[in-house]
Each structure stands twice: as structure tokens, then as C-alpha cells.
PDB file of N, CA and C in Angstrom:
ATOM      1  N   MET A   1      15.402  29.702  27.033  1.00  0.00           N
ATOM      2  CA  MET A   1      15.748  28.366  26.516  1.00  0.00           C
ATOM      3  C   MET A   1      17.337  28.235  26.384  1.00  0.00           C
ATOM      4  N   ASN A   2      17.911  28.917  27.159  1.00  0.00           N
ATOM      5  CA  ASN A   2      19.435  28.924  27.235  1.00  0.00           C
ATOM      6  C   ASN A   2      20.100  28.997  25.978  1.00  0.00           C
ATOM      7  N   GLY A   3      19.521  29.702  24.998  1.00  0.00           N
ATOM      8  CA  GLY A   3      20.189  30.061  23.801  1.00  0.00           C
ATOM      9  C   GLY A   3      20.065  28.878  22.637  1.00  0.00           C
ATOM     10  N   SER A   4      19.495  27.701  22.971  1.00  0.00           N
ATOM     11  CA  SER A   4      19.358  26.682  22.190  1.00  0.00           C
ATOM     12  C   SER A   4      18.072  26.869  21.142  1.00  0.00           C
ATOM     13  N   GLN A   5      18.031  26.510  20.029  1.00  0.00           N
ATOM     14  CA  GLN A   5      16.761  26.644  19.168  1.00  0.00           C
ATOM     15  C   GLN A   5      15.872  25.559  19.386  1.00  0.00           C
ATOM     16  N   ARG A   6      14.649  25.761  19.315  1.00  0.00           N
ATOM     17  CA  ARG A   6      13.589  24.823  19.436  1.00  0.00           C
ATOM     18  C   ARG A   6      13.426  24.137  18.174  1.00  0.00           C
ATOM     19  N   ASP A   7      13.201  22.798  18.029  1.00  0.00           N
ATOM     20  CA  ASP A   7      12.789  22.129  16.989  1.00  0.00           C
ATOM     21  C   ASP A   7      11.321  22.284  16.740  1.00  0.00           C
ATOM     22  N   ASP A   8      10.837  22.901  15.620  1.00  0.00           N
ATOM     23  CA  ASP A   8       9.368  23.079  15.306  1.00  0.00           C
ATOM     24  C   ASP A   8       8.707  21.924  14.621  1.00  0.00           C
ATOM     25  N   THR A   9       9.349  20.930  14.248  1.00  0.00           N
ATOM     26  CA  THR A   9       8.682  19.957  13.535  1.00  0.00           C
ATOM     27  C   THR A   9       7.740  18.984  14.353  1.00  0.00           C
ATOM     28  N   PRO A  10       6.670  18.783  13.953  1.00  0.00           N
ATOM     29  CA  PRO A  10       5.678  18.042  14.762  1.00  0.00           C
ATOM     30  C   PRO A  10       6.041  16.768  15.080  1.00  0.00           C
ATOM     31  N   VAL A  11       5.515  16.274  16.188  1.00  0.00           N
ATOM     32  CA  VAL A  11       5.890  14.998  16.743  1.00  0.00           C
ATOM     33  C   VAL A  11       4.644  14.103  16.477  1.00  0.00           C
ATOM     34  N   LEU A  12       4.906  12.940  15.947  1.00  0.00           N
ATOM     35  CA  LEU A  12       3.767  11.955  15.537  1.00  0.00           C
ATOM     36  C   LEU A  12       3.454  11.151  16.964  1.00  0.00           C
ATOM     37  N   ILE A  13       2.336  11.333  17.396  1.00  0.00           N
ATOM     38  CA  ILE A  13       1.875  10.698  18.590  1.00  0.00           C
ATOM     39  C   ILE A  13       0.856   9.690  18.388  1.00  0.00           C
ATOM     40  N   THR A  14       0.376   9.497  17.193  1.00  0.00           N
ATOM     41  CA  THR A  14      -0.688   8.379  16.935  1.00  0.00           C
ATOM     42  C   THR A  14      -0.149   7.484  15.839  1.00  0.00           C
ATOM     43  N   GLU A  15      -0.956   6.625  15.613  1.00  0.00           N
ATOM     44  CA  GLU A  15      -0.414   5.650  14.354  1.00  0.00           C
ATOM     45  C   GLU A  15      -1.341   5.996  13.282  1.00  0.00           C
ATOM     46  N   ALA A  16      -1.768   7.218  13.128  1.00  0.00           N
ATOM     47  CA  ALA A  16      -2.656   7.450  11.927  1.00  0.00           C
ATOM     48  C   ALA A  16      -1.930   7.355  10.596  1.00  0.00           C
ATOM     49  N   ALA A  17      -2.653   6.983   9.531  1.00  0.00           N
ATOM     50  CA  ALA A  17      -2.283   6.807   8.273  1.00  0.00           C
ATOM     51  C   ALA A  17      -1.739   8.192   7.695  1.00  0.00           C
ATOM     52  N   PRO A  18      -0.791   8.154   6.762  1.00  0.00           N
ATOM     53  CA  PRO A  18      -0.481   9.429   6.257  1.00  0.00           C
ATOM     54  C   PRO A  18      -1.565   9.989   5.459  1.00  0.00           C
ATOM     55  N   SER A  19      -1.686  11.309   5.183  1.00  0.00           N
ATOM     56  CA  SER A  19      -2.726  12.104   4.720  1.00  0.00           C
ATOM     57  C   SER A  19      -2.773  11.625   3.162  1.00  0.00           C
ATOM     58  N   TYR A  20      -4.076  11.932   2.553  1.00  0.00           N
ATOM     59  CA  TYR A  20      -4.284  11.462   1.121  1.00  0.00           C
ATOM     60  C   TYR A  20      -3.306  12.213   0.377  1.00  0.00           C
ATOM     61  N   GLU A  21      -2.980  13.444   0.585  1.00  0.00           N
ATOM     62  CA  GLU A  21      -2.014  14.173  -0.290  1.00  0.00           C
ATOM     63  C   GLU A  21      -0.547  13.700  -0.177  1.00  0.00           C
ATOM     64  N   ASP A  22      -0.084  13.190   0.938  1.00  0.00           N
ATOM     65  CA  ASP A  22       1.111  12.490   1.136  1.00  0.00           C
ATOM     66  C   ASP A  22       1.231  11.091   0.298  1.00  0.00           C
ATOM     67  N   GLN A  23       0.052  10.482   0.486  1.00  0.00           N
ATOM     68  CA  GLN A  23       0.071   9.194  -0.199  1.00  0.00           C
ATOM     69  C   GLN A  23       0.092   9.393  -1.773  1.00  0.00           C
ATOM     70  N   PHE A  24      -0.617  10.373  -2.184  1.00  0.00           N
ATOM     71  CA  PHE A  24      -0.734  10.745  -3.597  1.00  0.00           C
ATOM     72  C   PHE A  24       0.588  11.153  -4.061  1.00  0.00           C
ATOM     73  N   ALA A  25       1.337  12.011  -3.342  1.00  0.00           N
ATOM     74  CA  ALA A  25       2.653  12.481  -3.910  1.00  0.00           C
ATOM     75  C   ALA A  25       3.594  11.212  -3.896  1.00  0.00           C
ATOM     76  N   ALA A  26       3.593  10.342  -2.931  1.00  0.00           N
ATOM     77  CA  ALA A  26       4.482   9.165  -3.133  1.00  0.00           C
ATOM     78  C   ALA A  26       4.124   8.225  -4.276  1.00  0.00           C
ATOM     79  N   ARG A  27       2.907   8.112  -4.542  1.00  0.00           N
ATOM     80  CA  ARG A  27       2.329   7.425  -5.801  1.00  0.00           C
ATOM     81  C   ARG A  27       2.779   7.911  -7.086  1.00  0.00           C
ATOM     82  N   LYS A  28       2.765   9.305  -7.103  1.00  0.00           N
ATOM     83  CA  LYS A  28       3.202  10.007  -8.234  1.00  0.00           C
ATOM     84  C   LYS A  28       4.694   9.707  -8.457  1.00  0.00           C
ATOM     85  N   ARG A  29       5.438   9.881  -7.424  1.00  0.00           N
ATOM     86  CA  ARG A  29       6.925   9.619  -7.423  1.00  0.00           C
ATOM     87  C   ARG A  29       7.209   8.353  -8.001  1.00  0.00           C
ATOM     88  N   ARG A  30       6.649   7.356  -7.542  1.00  0.00           N
ATOM     89  CA  ARG A  30       6.819   5.931  -8.112  1.00  0.00           C
ATOM     90  C   ARG A  30       6.379   5.766  -9.370  1.00  0.00           C
ATOM     91  N   TYR A  31       5.280   6.418  -9.960  1.00  0.00           N
ATOM     92  CA  TYR A  31       4.849   6.330 -11.320  1.00  0.00           C
ATOM     93  C   TYR A  31       5.910   6.923 -12.173  1.00  0.00           C
ATOM     94  N   LEU A  32       6.437   8.239 -11.717  1.00  0.00           N
ATOM     95  CA  LEU A  32       7.381   9.012 -12.612  1.00  0.00           C
ATOM     96  C   LEU A  32       8.667   8.144 -12.736  1.00  0.00           C
ATOM     97  N   LEU A  33       9.135   7.409 -11.598  1.00  0.00           N
ATOM     98  CA  LEU A  33      10.399   6.818 -11.526  1.00  0.00           C
ATOM     99  C   LEU A  33      10.234   5.545 -12.562  1.00  0.00           C
ATOM    100  N   MET A  34       9.150   4.721 -12.582  1.00  0.00           N
ATOM    101  CA  MET A  34       9.042   3.676 -13.314  1.00  0.00           C
ATOM    102  C   MET A  34       8.845   4.156 -14.754  1.00  0.00           C
ATOM    103  N   MET A  35       8.101   5.047 -15.023  1.00  0.00           N
ATOM    104  CA  MET A  35       8.040   5.523 -16.493  1.00  0.00           C
ATOM    105  C   MET A  35       9.245   6.079 -17.065  1.00  0.00           C
ATOM    106  N   SER A  36      10.152   6.610 -16.190  1.00  0.00           N
ATOM    107  CA  SER A  36      11.359   7.288 -16.597  1.00  0.00           C
ATOM    108  C   SER A  36      12.537   6.051 -16.777  1.00  0.00           C
ATOM    109  N   MET A  37      12.061   4.926 -16.451  1.00  0.00           N
ATOM    110  CA  MET A  37      13.006   3.780 -16.714  1.00  0.00           C
ATOM    111  C   MET A  37      12.749   3.156 -18.089  1.00  0.00           C
ATOM    112  N   ARG A  38      11.581   3.483 -18.662  1.00  0.00           N
ATOM    113  CA  ARG A  38      11.193   3.011 -19.958  1.00  0.00           C
ATOM    114  C   ARG A  38      12.069   3.546 -21.054  1.00  0.00           C
ATOM    115  N   ILE A  39      12.254   4.701 -21.160  1.00  0.00           N
ATOM    116  CA  ILE A  39      13.058   5.334 -22.203  1.00  0.00           C
ATOM    117  C   ILE A  39      14.511   4.748 -22.287  1.00  0.00           C
ATOM    118  N   PRO A  40      15.184   4.849 -21.174  1.00  0.00           N
ATOM    119  CA  PRO A  40      16.654   4.199 -21.154  1.00  0.00           C
ATOM    120  C   PRO A  40      16.579   2.779 -21.565  1.00  0.00           C
ATOM    121  N   CYS A  41      15.628   2.016 -21.194  1.00  0.00           N
ATOM    122  CA  CYS A  41      15.481   0.631 -21.808  1.00  0.00           C
ATOM    123  C   CYS A  41      15.475   0.770 -23.374  1.00  0.00           C
ATOM    124  N   LEU A  42      14.550   1.460 -23.778  1.00  0.00           N
ATOM    125  CA  LEU A  42      14.274   1.657 -25.284  1.00  0.00           C
ATOM    126  C   LEU A  42      15.696   1.848 -25.920  1.00  0.00           C
ATOM    127  N   ILE A  43      16.274   2.963 -25.292  1.00  0.00           N
ATOM    128  CA  ILE A  43      17.575   3.454 -25.891  1.00  0.00           C
ATOM    129  C   ILE A  43      18.640   2.379 -25.792  1.00  0.00           C
ATOM    130  N   LEU A  44      18.740   1.498 -24.746  1.00  0.00           N
ATOM    131  CA  LEU A  44      19.666   0.531 -24.593  1.00  0.00           C
ATOM    132  C   LEU A  44      19.324  -0.671 -25.663  1.00  0.00           C
ATOM    133  N   ALA A  45      18.221  -0.761 -25.890  1.00  0.00           N
ATOM    134  CA  ALA A  45      17.840  -1.717 -26.952  1.00  0.00           C
ATOM    135  C   ALA A  45      18.233  -1.384 -28.206  1.00  0.00           C
ATOM    136  N   GLY A  46      18.112  -0.219 -28.440  1.00  0.00           N
ATOM    137  CA  GLY A  46      18.676   0.351 -29.841  1.00  0.00           C
ATOM    138  C   GLY A  46      20.308   0.300 -29.900  1.00  0.00           C
ATOM    139  N   VAL A  47      20.857   0.690 -28.810  1.00  0.00           N
ATOM    140  CA  VAL A  47      22.377   0.412 -28.724  1.00  0.00           C
ATOM    141  C   VAL A  47      22.834  -0.829 -28.878  1.00  0.00           C
ATOM    142  N   PHE A  48      22.238  -1.866 -28.254  1.00  0.00           N
ATOM    143  CA  PHE A  48      22.653  -3.392 -28.354  1.00  0.00           C
ATOM    144  C   PHE A  48      21.967  -4.072 -29.444  1.00  0.00           C
ATOM    145  N   TYR A  49      21.449  -3.388 -30.624  1.00  0.00           N
ATOM    146  CA  TYR A  49      20.738  -4.088 -31.572  1.00  0.00           C
ATOM    147  C   TYR A  49      21.349  -5.247 -32.173  1.00  0.00           C
ATOM    148  N   GLN A  50      22.756  -5.189 -32.263  1.00  0.00           N
ATOM    149  CA  GLN A  50      23.411  -6.266 -32.868  1.00  0.00           C
ATOM    150  C   GLN A  50      23.648  -7.491 -31.918  1.00  0.00           C
ATOM    151  N   THR A  51      23.410  -7.314 -30.618  1.00  0.00           N
ATOM    152  CA  THR A  51      23.254  -8.515 -29.886  1.00  0.00           C
ATOM    153  C   THR A  51      21.858  -8.600 -29.564  1.00  0.00           C
ATOM    154  N   TRP A  52      21.117  -9.437 -30.338  1.00  0.00           N
ATOM    155  CA  TRP A  52      19.854  -9.537 -30.538  1.00  0.00           C
ATOM    156  C   TRP A  52      19.086  -9.982 -29.134  1.00  0.00           C
ATOM    157  N   TRP A  53      19.647 -10.833 -28.413  1.00  0.00           N
ATOM    158  CA  TRP A  53      19.200 -11.417 -27.157  1.00  0.00           C
ATOM    159  C   TRP A  53      19.324 -10.261 -25.989  1.00  0.00           C
ATOM    160  N   LEU A  54      20.211  -9.348 -26.006  1.00  0.00           N
ATOM    161  CA  LEU A  54      20.201  -8.293 -25.200  1.00  0.00           C
ATOM    162  C   LEU A  54      19.204  -7.172 -25.529  1.00  0.00           C
ATOM    163  N   ALA A  55      19.120  -6.780 -26.700  1.00  0.00           N
ATOM    164  CA  ALA A  55      18.117  -5.867 -27.125  1.00  0.00           C
ATOM    165  C   ALA A  55      16.813  -6.392 -26.985  1.00  0.00           C
ATOM    166  N   LEU A  56      16.445  -7.693 -27.098  1.00  0.00           N
ATOM    167  CA  LEU A  56      15.162  -8.178 -26.859  1.00  0.00           C
ATOM    168  C   LEU A  56      14.908  -8.121 -25.478  1.00  0.00           C
ATOM    169  N   ALA A  57      15.955  -8.462 -24.502  1.00  0.00           N
ATOM    170  CA  ALA A  57      15.615  -8.389 -23.115  1.00  0.00           C
ATOM    171  C   ALA A  57      15.206  -6.919 -22.700  1.00  0.00           C
ATOM    172  N   PHE A  58      15.977  -5.960 -23.163  1.00  0.00           N
ATOM    173  CA  PHE A  58      15.653  -4.678 -22.898  1.00  0.00           C
ATOM    174  C   PHE A  58      14.178  -4.117 -23.319  1.00  0.00           C
ATOM    175  N   VAL A  59      13.801  -4.675 -24.543  1.00  0.00           N
ATOM    176  CA  VAL A  59      12.479  -4.329 -25.121  1.00  0.00           C
ATOM    177  C   VAL A  59      11.388  -5.038 -24.120  1.00  0.00           C
ATOM    178  N   ALA A  60      11.819  -6.346 -23.815  1.00  0.00           N
ATOM    179  CA  ALA A  60      10.762  -7.016 -23.016  1.00  0.00           C
ATOM    180  C   ALA A  60      10.695  -6.437 -21.653  1.00  0.00           C
ATOM    181  N   ILE A  61      11.651  -5.840 -21.166  1.00  0.00           N
ATOM    182  CA  ILE A  61      11.553  -5.090 -19.825  1.00  0.00           C
ATOM    183  C   ILE A  61      10.792  -3.740 -19.887  1.00  0.00           C
ATOM    184  N   SER A  62      10.929  -3.064 -21.070  1.00  0.00           N
ATOM    185  CA  SER A  62      10.212  -1.883 -21.237  1.00  0.00           C
ATOM    186  C   SER A  62       8.713  -1.991 -21.596  1.00  0.00           C
ATOM    187  N   VAL A  63       8.404  -3.129 -22.176  1.00  0.00           N
ATOM    188  CA  VAL A  63       6.976  -3.183 -22.477  1.00  0.00           C
ATOM    189  C   VAL A  63       5.998  -3.147 -21.309  1.00  0.00           C
ATOM    190  N   PRO A  64       6.140  -3.986 -20.230  1.00  0.00           N
ATOM    191  CA  PRO A  64       5.126  -3.981 -19.245  1.00  0.00           C
ATOM    192  C   PRO A  64       5.289  -2.924 -18.187  1.00  0.00           C
ATOM    193  N   LEU A  65       6.326  -2.009 -18.395  1.00  0.00           N
ATOM    194  CA  LEU A  65       6.486  -0.922 -17.470  1.00  0.00           C
ATOM    195  C   LEU A  65       5.391   0.080 -17.287  1.00  0.00           C
ATOM    196  N   PRO A  66       4.713   0.583 -18.505  1.00  0.00           N
ATOM    197  CA  PRO A  66       3.627   1.471 -18.235  1.00  0.00           C
ATOM    198  C   PRO A  66       2.381   0.849 -17.599  1.00  0.00           C
ATOM    199  N   TRP A  67       2.139  -0.412 -17.880  1.00  0.00           N
ATOM    200  CA  TRP A  67       1.055  -1.203 -17.112  1.00  0.00           C
ATOM    201  C   TRP A  67       1.367  -1.214 -15.610  1.00  0.00           C
ATOM    202  N   MET A  68       2.564  -1.745 -15.332  1.00  0.00           N
ATOM    203  CA  MET A  68       3.050  -1.782 -13.889  1.00  0.00           C
ATOM    204  C   MET A  68       2.955  -0.463 -13.187  1.00  0.00           C
ATOM    205  N   ALA A  69       3.361   0.463 -13.856  1.00  0.00           N
ATOM    206  CA  ALA A  69       3.564   1.868 -13.242  1.00  0.00           C
ATOM    207  C   ALA A  69       2.063   2.377 -12.886  1.00  0.00           C
ATOM    208  N   VAL A  70       1.194   2.048 -13.758  1.00  0.00           N
ATOM    209  CA  VAL A  70      -0.278   2.530 -13.613  1.00  0.00           C
ATOM    210  C   VAL A  70      -0.920   1.735 -12.400  1.00  0.00           C
ATOM    211  N   LEU A  71      -0.638   0.461 -12.510  1.00  0.00           N
ATOM    212  CA  LEU A  71      -1.130  -0.403 -11.242  1.00  0.00           C
ATOM    213  C   LEU A  71      -0.623   0.026  -9.962  1.00  0.00           C
ATOM    214  N   ILE A  72       0.672   0.195  -9.912  1.00  0.00           N
ATOM    215  CA  ILE A  72       1.394   0.596  -8.516  1.00  0.00           C
ATOM    216  C   ILE A  72       0.901   2.152  -8.272  1.00  0.00           C
ATOM    217  N   ALA A  73       0.827   2.965  -9.131  1.00  0.00           N
ATOM    218  CA  ALA A  73       0.460   4.268  -8.798  1.00  0.00           C
ATOM    219  C   ALA A  73      -1.126   4.477  -8.319  1.00  0.00           C
ATOM    220  N   ASN A  74      -1.913   3.540  -8.842  1.00  0.00           N
ATOM    221  CA  ASN A  74      -3.330   3.484  -8.294  1.00  0.00           C
ATOM    222  C   ASN A  74      -3.512   2.742  -7.117  1.00  0.00           C
ATOM    223  N   ASP A  75      -2.511   2.124  -6.648  1.00  0.00           N
ATOM    224  CA  ASP A  75      -2.690   1.269  -5.516  1.00  0.00           C
ATOM    225  C   ASP A  75      -2.536   1.933  -4.299  1.00  0.00           C
ATOM    226  N   ARG A  76      -3.527   1.941  -3.372  1.00  0.00           N
ATOM    227  CA  ARG A  76      -3.377   2.676  -2.066  1.00  0.00           C
ATOM    228  C   ARG A  76      -2.799   1.728  -1.026  1.00  0.00           C
ATOM    229  N   PRO A  77      -2.059   2.148  -0.071  1.00  0.00           N
ATOM    230  CA  PRO A  77      -1.670   1.246   0.989  1.00  0.00           C
ATOM    231  C   PRO A  77      -2.702   0.527   1.726  1.00  0.00           C
ATOM    232  N   PRO A  78      -2.616  -0.639   2.118  1.00  0.00           N
ATOM    233  CA  PRO A  78      -3.776  -1.449   2.752  1.00  0.00           C
ATOM    234  C   PRO A  78      -4.222  -0.749   4.122  1.00  0.00           C
ATOM    235  N   ARG A  79      -5.463  -0.741   4.392  1.00  0.00           N
ATOM    236  CA  ARG A  79      -5.768  -0.374   5.584  1.00  0.00           C
ATOM    237  C   ARG A  79      -5.385  -1.132   6.775  1.00  0.00           C
ATOM    238  N   LYS A  80      -5.129  -0.399   7.913  1.00  0.00           N
ATOM    239  CA  LYS A  80      -4.696  -1.144   9.170  1.00  0.00           C
ATOM    240  C   LYS A  80      -5.721  -2.063   9.550  1.00  0.00           C
ATOM    241  N   ALA A  81      -5.456  -3.239  10.142  1.00  0.00           N
ATOM    242  CA  ALA A  81      -6.498  -4.159  10.664  1.00  0.00           C
ATOM    243  C   ALA A  81      -6.696  -3.604  12.025  1.00  0.00           C
ATOM    244  N   GLU A  82      -7.766  -3.012  12.412  1.00  0.00           N
ATOM    245  CA  GLU A  82      -8.279  -2.538  13.542  1.00  0.00           C
ATOM    246  C   GLU A  82      -9.094  -3.524  14.365  1.00  0.00           C
ATOM    247  N   GLU A  83      -8.967  -3.873  15.458  1.00  0.00           N
ATOM    248  CA  GLU A  83      -9.890  -4.653  16.181  1.00  0.00           C
ATOM    249  C   GLU A  83     -10.902  -3.678  16.834  1.00  0.00           C
ATOM    250  N   ALA A  84     -12.072  -4.283  16.648  1.00  0.00           N
ATOM    251  CA  ALA A  84     -13.302  -3.475  17.092  1.00  0.00           C
ATOM    252  C   ALA A  84     -13.398  -3.756  18.695  1.00  0.00           C
ATOM    253  N   ASN A  85     -13.750  -2.686  19.464  1.00  0.00           N
ATOM    254  CA  ASN A  85     -14.036  -2.914  20.757  1.00  0.00           C
ATOM    255  C   ASN A  85     -15.471  -3.313  21.010  1.00  0.00           C
ATOM    256  N   ARG A  86     -15.860  -4.490  21.201  1.00  0.00           N
ATOM    257  CA  ARG A  86     -17.197  -5.007  21.253  1.00  0.00           C
ATOM    258  C   ARG A  86     -17.406  -5.206  22.703  1.00  0.00           C
ATOM    259  N   TYR A  87     -18.626  -5.021  23.093  1.00  0.00           N
ATOM    260  CA  TYR A  87     -19.174  -5.458  24.391  1.00  0.00           C
ATOM    261  C   TYR A  87     -19.198  -6.956  24.571  1.00  0.00           C
ATOM    262  N   GLN A  88     -18.730  -7.413  25.709  1.00  0.00           N
ATOM    263  CA  GLN A  88     -18.923  -8.831  25.852  1.00  0.00           C
ATOM    264  C   GLN A  88     -19.439  -9.070  27.296  1.00  0.00           C
ATOM    265  N   ALA A  89     -20.646  -9.582  27.318  1.00  0.00           N
ATOM    266  CA  ALA A  89     -21.413  -9.728  28.567  1.00  0.00           C
ATOM    267  C   ALA A  89     -20.666 -10.742  29.522  1.00  0.00           C
ATOM    268  N   PRO A  90     -20.552 -10.348  30.792  1.00  0.00           N
ATOM    269  CA  PRO A  90     -19.981 -11.243  31.651  1.00  0.00           C
ATOM    270  C   PRO A  90     -20.590 -12.552  31.724  1.00  0.00           C
ATOM    271  N   SER A  91     -19.871 -13.656  32.049  1.00  0.00           N
ATOM    272  CA  SER A  91     -20.427 -14.997  32.020  1.00  0.00           C
ATOM    273  C   SER A  91     -21.422 -15.378  33.203  1.00  0.00           C
ATOM    274  N   THR A  92     -21.316 -14.452  34.134  1.00  0.00           N
ATOM    275  CA  THR A  92     -22.312 -14.620  35.273  1.00  0.00           C
ATOM    276  C   THR A  92     -23.465 -14.029  35.169  1.00  0.00           C
ATOM    277  N   THR A  93     -23.894 -13.451  33.928  1.00  0.00           N
ATOM    278  CA  THR A  93     -25.144 -12.799  33.907  1.00  0.00           C
ATOM    279  C   THR A  93     -26.300 -13.913  33.810  1.00  0.00           C
ATOM    280  N   ARG A  94     -27.430 -13.467  34.175  1.00  0.00           N
ATOM    281  CA  ARG A  94     -28.556 -14.497  34.284  1.00  0.00           C
ATOM    282  C   ARG A  94     -29.316 -14.288  32.986  1.00  0.00           C
ATOM    283  N   ARG A  95     -29.580 -15.510  32.342  1.00  0.00           N
ATOM    284  CA  ARG A  95     -30.334 -15.588  30.968  1.00  0.00           C
ATOM    285  C   ARG A  95     -31.702 -15.669  31.361  1.00  0.00           C
ATOM    286  N   ILE A  96     -32.543 -15.339  30.357  1.00  0.00           N
ATOM    287  CA  ILE A  96     -33.981 -15.601  30.613  1.00  0.00           C
ATOM    288  C   ILE A  96     -34.430 -16.832  30.711  1.00  0.00           C
ATOM    289  N   GLU A  97     -33.880 -17.882  29.874  1.00  0.00           N
ATOM    290  CA  GLU A  97     -34.193 -19.337  30.072  1.00  0.00           C
ATOM    291  C   GLU A  97     -32.771 -20.065  29.716  1.00  0.00           C
ATOM    292  N   SER A  98     -32.427 -20.746  30.873  1.00  0.00           N
ATOM    293  CA  SER A  98     -31.126 -21.493  30.798  1.00  0.00           C
ATOM    294  C   SER A  98     -31.246 -22.881  30.488  1.00  0.00           C
ATOM    295  N   ARG A  99     -32.404 -23.431  30.350  1.00  0.00           N
ATOM    296  CA  ARG A  99     -32.526 -24.866  30.051  1.00  0.00           C
ATOM    297  C   ARG A  99     -32.469 -24.899  28.585  1.00  0.00           C
ATOM    298  N   GLU A 100     -32.128 -26.206  28.047  1.00  0.00           N
ATOM    299  CA  GLU A 100     -32.068 -26.382  26.536  1.00  0.00           C
ATOM    300  C   GLU A 100     -33.414 -26.706  26.088  1.00  0.00           C
ATOM    301  N   HIS A 101     -33.847 -26.295  24.768  1.00  0.00           N
ATOM    302  CA  HIS A 101     -35.064 -26.783  24.213  1.00  0.00           C
ATOM    303  C   HIS A 101     -34.746 -27.784  23.079  1.00  0.00           C
ATOM    304  N   PRO A 102     -35.628 -28.767  23.027  1.00  0.00           N
ATOM    305  CA  PRO A 102     -35.570 -29.769  21.936  1.00  0.00           C
ATOM    306  C   PRO A 102     -35.955 -29.145  20.601  1.00  0.00           C
ATOM    307  N   VAL A 103     -35.139 -29.567  19.576  1.00  0.00           N
ATOM    308  CA  VAL A 103     -35.234 -28.918  18.211  1.00  0.00           C
ATOM    309  C   VAL A 103     -35.902 -30.210  17.415  1.00  0.00           C
ATOM    310  N   ILE A 104     -37.177 -29.837  16.835  1.00  0.00           N
ATOM    311  CA  ILE A 104     -37.808 -30.828  15.997  1.00  0.00           C
ATOM    312  C   ILE A 104     -37.553 -30.475  14.482  1.00  0.00           C
ATOM    313  N   ASP A 105     -36.950 -31.397  13.819  1.00  0.00           N
ATOM    314  CA  ASP A 105     -36.651 -31.166  12.332  1.00  0.00           C
ATOM    315  C   ASP A 105     -37.907 -31.785  11.691  1.00  0.00           C
ATOM    316  N   GLY A 106     -38.216 -30.976  10.718  1.00  0.00           N
ATOM    317  CA  GLY A 106     -39.510 -31.542   9.980  1.00  0.00           C
ATOM    318  C   GLY A 106     -39.645 -31.078   8.618  1.00  0.00           C
TER     319      GLY A 106
END
């Protein structure tokens, strides 16, 4: 190989979805990131307790974070819309009966 090193990383040749383990790891990282933002918000609310509107804003941000973190962590990526390969009969095929039949409503 003329002294050059070969790259052993796999090449993606399909459009397959990431594995369940990769999806789960990404969702765990998002959850931890969102939950780690809650404590600084509460600390900042305590620091700015004399500016009531700023402290209230930090508390208001920190309250829905656990709920949003759980929703986002449990949400899987949407499935790809795949078009099914269905058989379509050619239009030149002969049908058993080609004439129309009257319909009687009763």
C-alpha cells in the first residue's frame, strides 16, 4: 500500500436507520443536557432574587424542563416513509367482463 495507512472506518452504503443503541445513547445525552440546565436556572433564580421578574423568569424556565426532557428522551426519530413496490397490471390485460353492469339501488 505504498506506506500509507488504510482507514478502517466502515463506509455507509445504505440509508438504514441508526441502531437502537445509537438512538438510545443520543436520547440519553439530550436528556442529561436538558436536566443539567435546570440546576443553573434555579441557582440563577436565587442569585437574582432581588430582581423579582428575572428570578421568576429563571424559575419559569426550570419548571417545565424535566417534563420536556422526558418527552424528548422518549421520542424516537420518525420512520422513513418508504414507498411499497406494488404490482400494477398492464392496462392491456384482458378482463373477464369488460362491459358495465347496471346497479339497482333498493
